[in-house]
Amino acid sequence: MSERPNAAAAGTISIGGDLTVNRMGFGAMRITGRGIWGPPPDRDEAKAALRQAVDLGVNFIDTADSYGPEVSEELIAETLYPYPDDLVIATKGGMVRPGPGRWDPDGRPDHLRAACEGSLRRLRLDQIPLYQFHRPDPRVPIAESIAALVELRDEGKIRHIGVSNVSEQQLRQAQKLTAIVSVQNRYNLSDRSSEAMVDLCDSEDIVFLPWAPIQEADSLPPVLNAARQHDVSTRQVALAWLLGRSAQILPIPGSGSAEHIAQNIAAASLRLSSNEANAILELAG
C-alpha cells in the first residue's frame, strides 16, 4: 500500500442507476468546529482536506445543512466550485441545531423546502444529486416529510432521494411514495444494529452509507491482527472490512486532516482474506 492512494481502487457503485461514483467517499462533517458547530479551527486546513479527497479520486462527498450549521456546505463550494464533472455532492435536511453538540429533528415540509433551497444556494448547485432526509421527526408523519422531497424532485431541485437514521418500517413507508436510492445509518464494527438494513440494501440495490464507519476499530483483536499482517492501521482495516461486507456499502469516512484522509483512502486498495473478514465478523457480532 505504498503507492499513492486512490478511491478508484475500491471500484464503483451506481446511485439511482444514473450516477456512478468510486466506492470510497468523503464525509464532510468534520471540516467544521468542535461539536460540529461553527467554523473549523483552521479554515485553510479544512479546505486542504477537501482538495486532498478529490485529488485522491473521491467523487462522492456527503454533507448536511446542519453541519456547522451551513459551514460544511459553504466550505465545499468555496473550495471546489466549479466542481469536477464527475463529482457527486449529497446533502441532507431535517435537523436543526440549537447549539454545539445538539441535534433536533424537524421534518415539517416547509422546513425541508427551506433547507433544500438553502443548500442549493450554499453549494451553488441548480440541482442536488442526492438529497437525504436526515432523521424522521416523531412529530411529523414520515409520509409528509418524504412527500415534500418528492415535490422538490418534481421541480428539478433534487435528482434522487435518500433517507437516514431509519428503521425498515420507515424505509418501507418512504418507498410507498417514491424510489429511495440510499440509506445512511450508523454502522461499524462495534455497532451493527443496522445489520438487517445492510442486507436489505444489498438485496434491493440500495446504496448504504455507514456513518461513524470506523469508531472503536482498534478494540478488536482480529482487527489488530489484520492490521499487523498487512502493515496498515486499524482504521484502514475497518474500512476495508466495510467494503468487503457488501457491494452496496459506500463508506464516507471524514476528517479535517489531509493526512488522515490519505490514510483512509488508502484502504480502498486493501483486501482482507476471507479468514480475516470472518474473524472480525464473528467477534464483532
Protein backbone atom coordinates (compact mmCIF):
# COMPACT_ATOMS: atom_id res chain seq x y z
CA MET A 1 0.00 0.00 0.00
CA SER A 2 2.96 2.31 -0.62
CA GLU A 3 1.58 3.69 -3.89
CA ARG A 4 -0.36 6.93 -3.98
CA PRO A 5 -3.86 6.17 -2.64
CA ASN A 6 -6.82 6.46 -4.97
CA ALA A 7 -10.50 5.98 -4.17
CA ALA A 8 -10.97 4.25 -7.54
CA ALA A 9 -9.20 1.19 -6.12
CA ALA A 10 -12.42 0.36 -4.25
CA GLY A 11 -14.35 0.01 -7.51
CA THR A 12 -17.51 1.89 -8.37
CA ILE A 13 -21.15 1.95 -7.32
CA SER A 14 -24.30 3.21 -9.03
CA ILE A 15 -26.61 5.65 -7.27
CA GLY A 16 -30.12 5.69 -8.66
CA GLY A 17 -28.99 3.98 -11.84
CA ASP A 18 -27.51 7.10 -13.45
CA LEU A 19 -24.77 8.31 -11.10
CA THR A 20 -21.57 6.27 -10.85
CA VAL A 21 -19.00 7.08 -8.19
CA ASN A 22 -15.93 5.49 -6.67
CA ARG A 23 -16.82 3.34 -3.68
CA MET A 24 -14.76 5.32 -1.19
CA GLY A 25 -16.39 8.65 -0.42
CA PHE A 26 -15.79 11.51 1.98
CA GLY A 27 -17.98 12.67 4.85
CA ALA A 28 -17.71 16.43 5.34
CA MET A 29 -18.99 16.70 8.91
CA ARG A 30 -15.52 17.08 10.46
CA ILE A 31 -14.48 20.17 8.49
CA THR A 32 -16.48 22.25 10.98
CA GLY A 33 -15.78 23.40 14.54
CA ARG A 34 -15.90 21.49 17.79
CA GLY A 35 -19.29 19.92 18.43
CA ILE A 36 -19.90 20.20 14.65
CA TRP A 37 -20.59 23.85 15.41
CA GLY A 38 -19.16 26.95 13.79
CA PRO A 39 -16.11 27.26 11.55
CA PRO A 40 -13.15 24.88 11.70
CA PRO A 41 -10.16 25.85 13.86
CA ASP A 42 -8.06 26.20 10.70
CA ARG A 43 -10.05 27.09 7.59
CA ASP A 44 -7.10 26.55 5.26
CA GLU A 45 -6.51 23.08 6.69
CA ALA A 46 -10.17 22.18 6.19
CA LYS A 47 -10.00 23.34 2.58
CA ALA A 48 -6.79 21.37 2.06
CA ALA A 49 -8.61 18.28 3.36
CA LEU A 50 -11.37 18.72 0.79
CA ARG A 51 -8.87 19.19 -2.03
CA GLN A 52 -6.93 16.14 -0.87
CA ALA A 53 -10.04 13.97 -1.03
CA VAL A 54 -10.84 15.00 -4.60
CA ASP A 55 -7.20 14.80 -5.69
CA LEU A 56 -7.12 11.20 -4.46
CA GLY A 57 -10.09 10.13 -6.54
CA VAL A 58 -13.04 10.78 -4.24
CA ASN A 59 -16.03 11.82 -6.34
CA PHE A 60 -18.75 11.41 -3.72
CA ILE A 61 -18.98 13.93 -0.85
CA ASP A 62 -21.64 13.65 1.85
CA THR A 63 -22.63 16.71 3.86
CA ALA A 64 -25.69 18.31 5.51
CA ASP A 65 -27.10 21.76 6.12
CA SER A 66 -26.82 21.06 9.87
CA TYR A 67 -23.03 20.58 9.78
CA GLY A 68 -21.88 23.84 11.27
CA PRO A 69 -24.73 24.59 10.61
CA GLU A 70 -24.18 25.64 6.98
CA VAL A 71 -20.39 25.76 7.38
CA SER A 72 -19.63 22.45 5.67
CA GLU A 73 -21.67 23.26 2.58
CA GLU A 74 -20.16 26.74 2.33
CA LEU A 75 -16.62 25.36 2.57
CA ILE A 76 -17.28 22.73 -0.09
CA ALA A 77 -18.41 25.37 -2.56
CA GLU A 78 -15.66 27.81 -1.61
CA THR A 79 -13.00 25.14 -2.11
CA LEU A 80 -14.21 23.02 -5.01
CA TYR A 81 -16.51 25.17 -7.14
CA PRO A 82 -16.59 24.96 -10.14
CA TYR A 83 -16.93 21.27 -9.45
CA PRO A 84 -15.29 18.44 -11.40
CA ASP A 85 -17.74 16.92 -13.87
CA ASP A 86 -17.84 13.57 -12.05
CA LEU A 87 -18.25 14.94 -8.51
CA VAL A 88 -21.50 13.97 -6.78
CA ILE A 89 -22.41 16.05 -3.74
CA ALA A 90 -25.03 14.59 -1.42
CA THR A 91 -26.54 16.66 1.35
CA LYS A 92 -29.22 16.26 3.98
CA GLY A 93 -32.03 18.24 5.57
CA GLY A 94 -34.34 17.65 8.51
CA MET A 95 -32.18 18.52 11.53
CA VAL A 96 -31.84 21.83 13.33
CA ARG A 97 -29.02 22.91 15.61
CA PRO A 98 -29.89 24.83 18.78
CA GLY A 99 -26.25 24.73 19.88
CA PRO A 100 -22.95 22.78 19.84
CA GLY A 101 -23.49 19.03 20.02
CA ARG A 102 -27.28 19.40 19.86
CA TRP A 103 -29.37 17.88 17.07
CA ASP A 104 -33.16 18.21 16.87
CA PRO A 105 -35.28 16.69 14.09
CA ASP A 106 -37.56 18.91 12.02
CA GLY A 107 -39.45 17.04 9.32
CA ARG A 108 -42.04 19.68 8.55
CA PRO A 109 -42.49 20.11 4.79
CA ASP A 110 -41.95 23.88 4.98
CA HIS A 111 -38.69 23.38 6.85
CA LEU A 112 -37.45 20.77 4.36
CA ARG A 113 -38.21 23.07 1.44
CA ALA A 114 -36.33 25.94 3.06
CA ALA A 115 -33.45 23.63 3.98
CA CYS A 116 -33.15 22.28 0.44
CA GLU A 117 -33.25 25.71 -1.14
CA GLY A 118 -30.62 26.93 1.33
CA SER A 119 -28.36 24.01 0.42
CA LEU A 120 -28.77 24.78 -3.28
CA ARG A 121 -27.61 28.35 -2.69
CA ARG A 122 -24.67 27.46 -0.46
CA LEU A 123 -23.46 24.65 -2.71
CA ARG A 124 -24.02 26.76 -5.83
CA LEU A 125 -25.99 23.97 -7.47
CA ASP A 126 -29.05 24.06 -9.69
CA GLN A 127 -29.92 20.53 -8.61
CA ILE A 128 -28.76 18.40 -5.67
CA PRO A 129 -27.76 14.95 -7.00
CA LEU A 130 -28.75 13.12 -3.79
CA TYR A 131 -30.86 14.75 -1.09
CA GLN A 132 -31.36 12.76 2.10
CA PHE A 133 -33.99 13.13 4.79
CA HIS A 134 -31.67 13.43 7.79
CA ARG A 135 -33.85 11.90 10.51
CA PRO A 136 -37.56 11.10 10.90
CA ASP A 137 -39.37 13.59 13.12
CA PRO A 138 -41.68 11.90 15.66
CA ARG A 139 -44.00 14.92 15.43
CA VAL A 140 -44.44 14.64 11.66
CA PRO A 141 -45.61 11.55 9.72
CA ILE A 142 -42.72 10.40 7.57
CA ALA A 143 -45.02 10.32 4.55
CA GLU A 144 -45.48 14.10 4.84
CA SER A 145 -41.74 14.68 5.00
CA ILE A 146 -40.99 12.44 2.03
CA ALA A 147 -43.84 13.97 0.03
CA ALA A 148 -42.13 17.35 0.42
CA LEU A 149 -38.95 15.90 -1.08
CA VAL A 150 -40.92 14.38 -3.94
CA GLU A 151 -42.29 17.84 -4.72
CA LEU A 152 -38.78 19.27 -4.75
CA ARG A 153 -37.62 16.49 -7.04
CA ASP A 154 -40.55 17.11 -9.39
CA GLU A 155 -39.48 20.76 -9.51
CA GLY A 156 -35.98 19.70 -10.57
CA LYS A 157 -34.27 20.78 -7.34
CA ILE A 158 -33.43 17.20 -6.32
CA ARG A 159 -32.29 14.37 -8.56
CA HIS A 160 -32.54 11.43 -6.18
CA ILE A 161 -33.97 10.94 -2.68
CA GLY A 162 -32.33 9.09 0.21
CA VAL A 163 -33.15 8.57 3.88
CA SER A 164 -31.04 8.50 7.03
CA ASN A 165 -31.38 7.06 10.52
CA VAL A 166 -34.40 4.96 9.59
CA SER A 167 -35.89 1.61 10.52
CA GLU A 168 -37.07 -0.87 7.92
CA GLN A 169 -40.66 0.17 8.61
CA GLN A 170 -39.82 3.82 7.97
CA LEU A 171 -37.98 2.91 4.79
CA ARG A 172 -40.99 0.97 3.55
CA GLN A 173 -43.25 3.93 4.28
CA ALA A 174 -40.98 6.18 2.24
CA GLN A 175 -40.82 3.67 -0.61
CA LYS A 176 -44.61 3.78 -0.96
CA LEU A 177 -44.21 7.36 -2.18
CA THR A 178 -41.03 7.24 -4.25
CA ALA A 179 -37.87 5.36 -5.10
CA ILE A 180 -35.33 5.56 -2.27
CA VAL A 181 -31.82 5.18 -3.65
CA SER A 182 -29.80 5.35 -0.43
CA VAL A 183 -29.94 4.71 3.31
CA GLN A 184 -27.49 6.34 5.71
CA ASN A 185 -27.49 4.68 9.13
CA ARG A 186 -24.86 4.25 11.82
CA TYR A 187 -22.90 1.07 11.14
CA ASN A 188 -19.41 -0.05 12.10
CA LEU A 189 -17.59 -2.99 13.63
CA SER A 190 -18.76 -2.24 17.16
CA ASP A 191 -22.29 -1.03 16.32
CA ARG A 192 -24.04 -3.40 13.94
CA SER A 193 -27.61 -2.55 14.89
CA SER A 194 -28.27 -1.84 11.18
CA GLU A 195 -27.09 -5.30 10.09
CA ALA A 196 -30.52 -6.22 8.72
CA MET A 197 -30.70 -2.89 6.89
CA VAL A 198 -27.38 -3.60 5.17
CA ASP A 199 -28.76 -6.95 3.99
CA LEU A 200 -31.95 -5.29 2.77
CA CYS A 201 -29.98 -2.67 0.81
CA ASP A 202 -27.80 -5.42 -0.62
CA SER A 203 -30.82 -7.36 -1.89
CA GLU A 204 -32.60 -4.29 -3.30
CA ASP A 205 -29.59 -2.48 -4.84
CA ILE A 206 -29.93 0.48 -2.46
CA VAL A 207 -26.71 2.29 -1.59
CA PHE A 208 -25.88 2.01 2.11
CA LEU A 209 -23.86 4.89 3.58
CA PRO A 210 -22.49 3.91 7.00
CA TRP A 211 -21.95 6.87 9.28
CA ALA A 212 -19.35 6.64 12.06
CA PRO A 213 -17.76 3.85 9.97
CA ILE A 214 -14.54 3.38 11.94
CA GLN A 215 -15.34 4.03 15.60
CA GLU A 216 -13.61 1.78 18.14
CA ALA A 217 -11.95 -0.27 15.42
CA ASP A 218 -8.79 -0.72 17.48
CA SER A 219 -10.59 -2.52 20.31
CA LEU A 220 -11.00 -5.84 18.47
CA PRO A 221 -8.14 -8.37 18.44
CA PRO A 222 -8.90 -9.66 14.89
CA VAL A 223 -8.68 -6.06 13.63
CA LEU A 224 -5.32 -5.61 15.34
CA ASN A 225 -4.11 -8.90 13.89
CA ALA A 226 -5.14 -7.94 10.37
CA ALA A 227 -3.55 -4.50 10.73
CA ARG A 228 -0.23 -6.11 11.74
CA GLN A 229 -0.45 -8.67 8.92
CA HIS A 230 -0.98 -6.00 6.24
CA ASP A 231 1.13 -3.30 7.93
CA VAL A 232 -1.77 -0.85 7.97
CA SER A 233 -3.80 0.99 10.60
CA THR A 234 -6.85 -0.43 12.35
CA ARG A 235 -8.88 2.38 10.72
CA GLN A 236 -7.89 1.07 7.31
CA VAL A 237 -8.85 -2.47 8.29
CA ALA A 238 -12.27 -1.25 9.46
CA LEU A 239 -12.89 0.50 6.13
CA ALA A 240 -11.66 -2.48 4.12
CA TRP A 241 -14.00 -4.73 6.11
CA LEU A 242 -16.95 -2.47 5.24
CA LEU A 243 -16.03 -2.57 1.55
CA GLY A 244 -15.99 -6.35 1.69
CA ARG A 245 -19.15 -6.64 3.78
CA SER A 246 -21.46 -5.64 0.93
CA ALA A 247 -21.05 -4.30 -2.59
CA GLN A 248 -23.78 -1.76 -1.73
CA ILE A 249 -21.77 -0.14 1.06
CA LEU A 250 -20.23 3.23 0.21
CA PRO A 251 -18.02 4.26 3.13
CA ILE A 252 -17.83 8.00 3.84
CA PRO A 253 -15.03 8.43 6.41
CA GLY A 254 -14.49 12.02 7.38
CA SER A 255 -11.62 14.11 8.70
CA GLY A 256 -10.41 17.66 8.76
CA SER A 257 -6.84 16.46 8.17
CA ALA A 258 -5.45 15.92 4.68
CA GLU A 259 -3.04 13.32 6.10
CA HIS A 260 -5.83 11.29 7.71
CA ILE A 261 -7.87 11.47 4.50
CA ALA A 262 -5.00 9.96 2.52
CA GLN A 263 -4.74 7.16 5.08
CA ASN A 264 -8.48 6.47 4.86
CA ILE A 265 -8.47 6.42 1.07
CA ALA A 266 -5.54 4.00 1.08
CA ALA A 267 -7.96 1.43 2.50
CA ALA A 268 -9.63 1.33 -0.93
CA SER A 269 -6.84 -0.96 -2.14
CA LEU A 270 -6.72 -3.18 0.95
CA ARG A 271 -8.19 -6.66 0.54
CA LEU A 272 -8.77 -8.75 3.64
CA SER A 273 -8.68 -12.52 3.35
CA SER A 274 -11.92 -14.40 3.94
CA ASN A 275 -10.47 -15.74 7.19
CA GLU A 276 -9.62 -12.24 8.39
CA ALA A 277 -13.02 -10.86 7.43
CA ASN A 278 -14.85 -13.76 9.06
CA ALA A 279 -12.84 -13.49 12.27
CA ILE A 280 -13.72 -9.81 12.51
CA LEU A 281 -17.38 -10.52 11.73
CA GLU A 282 -17.67 -13.27 14.31
CA LEU A 283 -16.10 -11.33 17.14
CA ALA A 284 -17.85 -8.07 16.30
CA GLY A 285 -21.17 -9.86 16.14
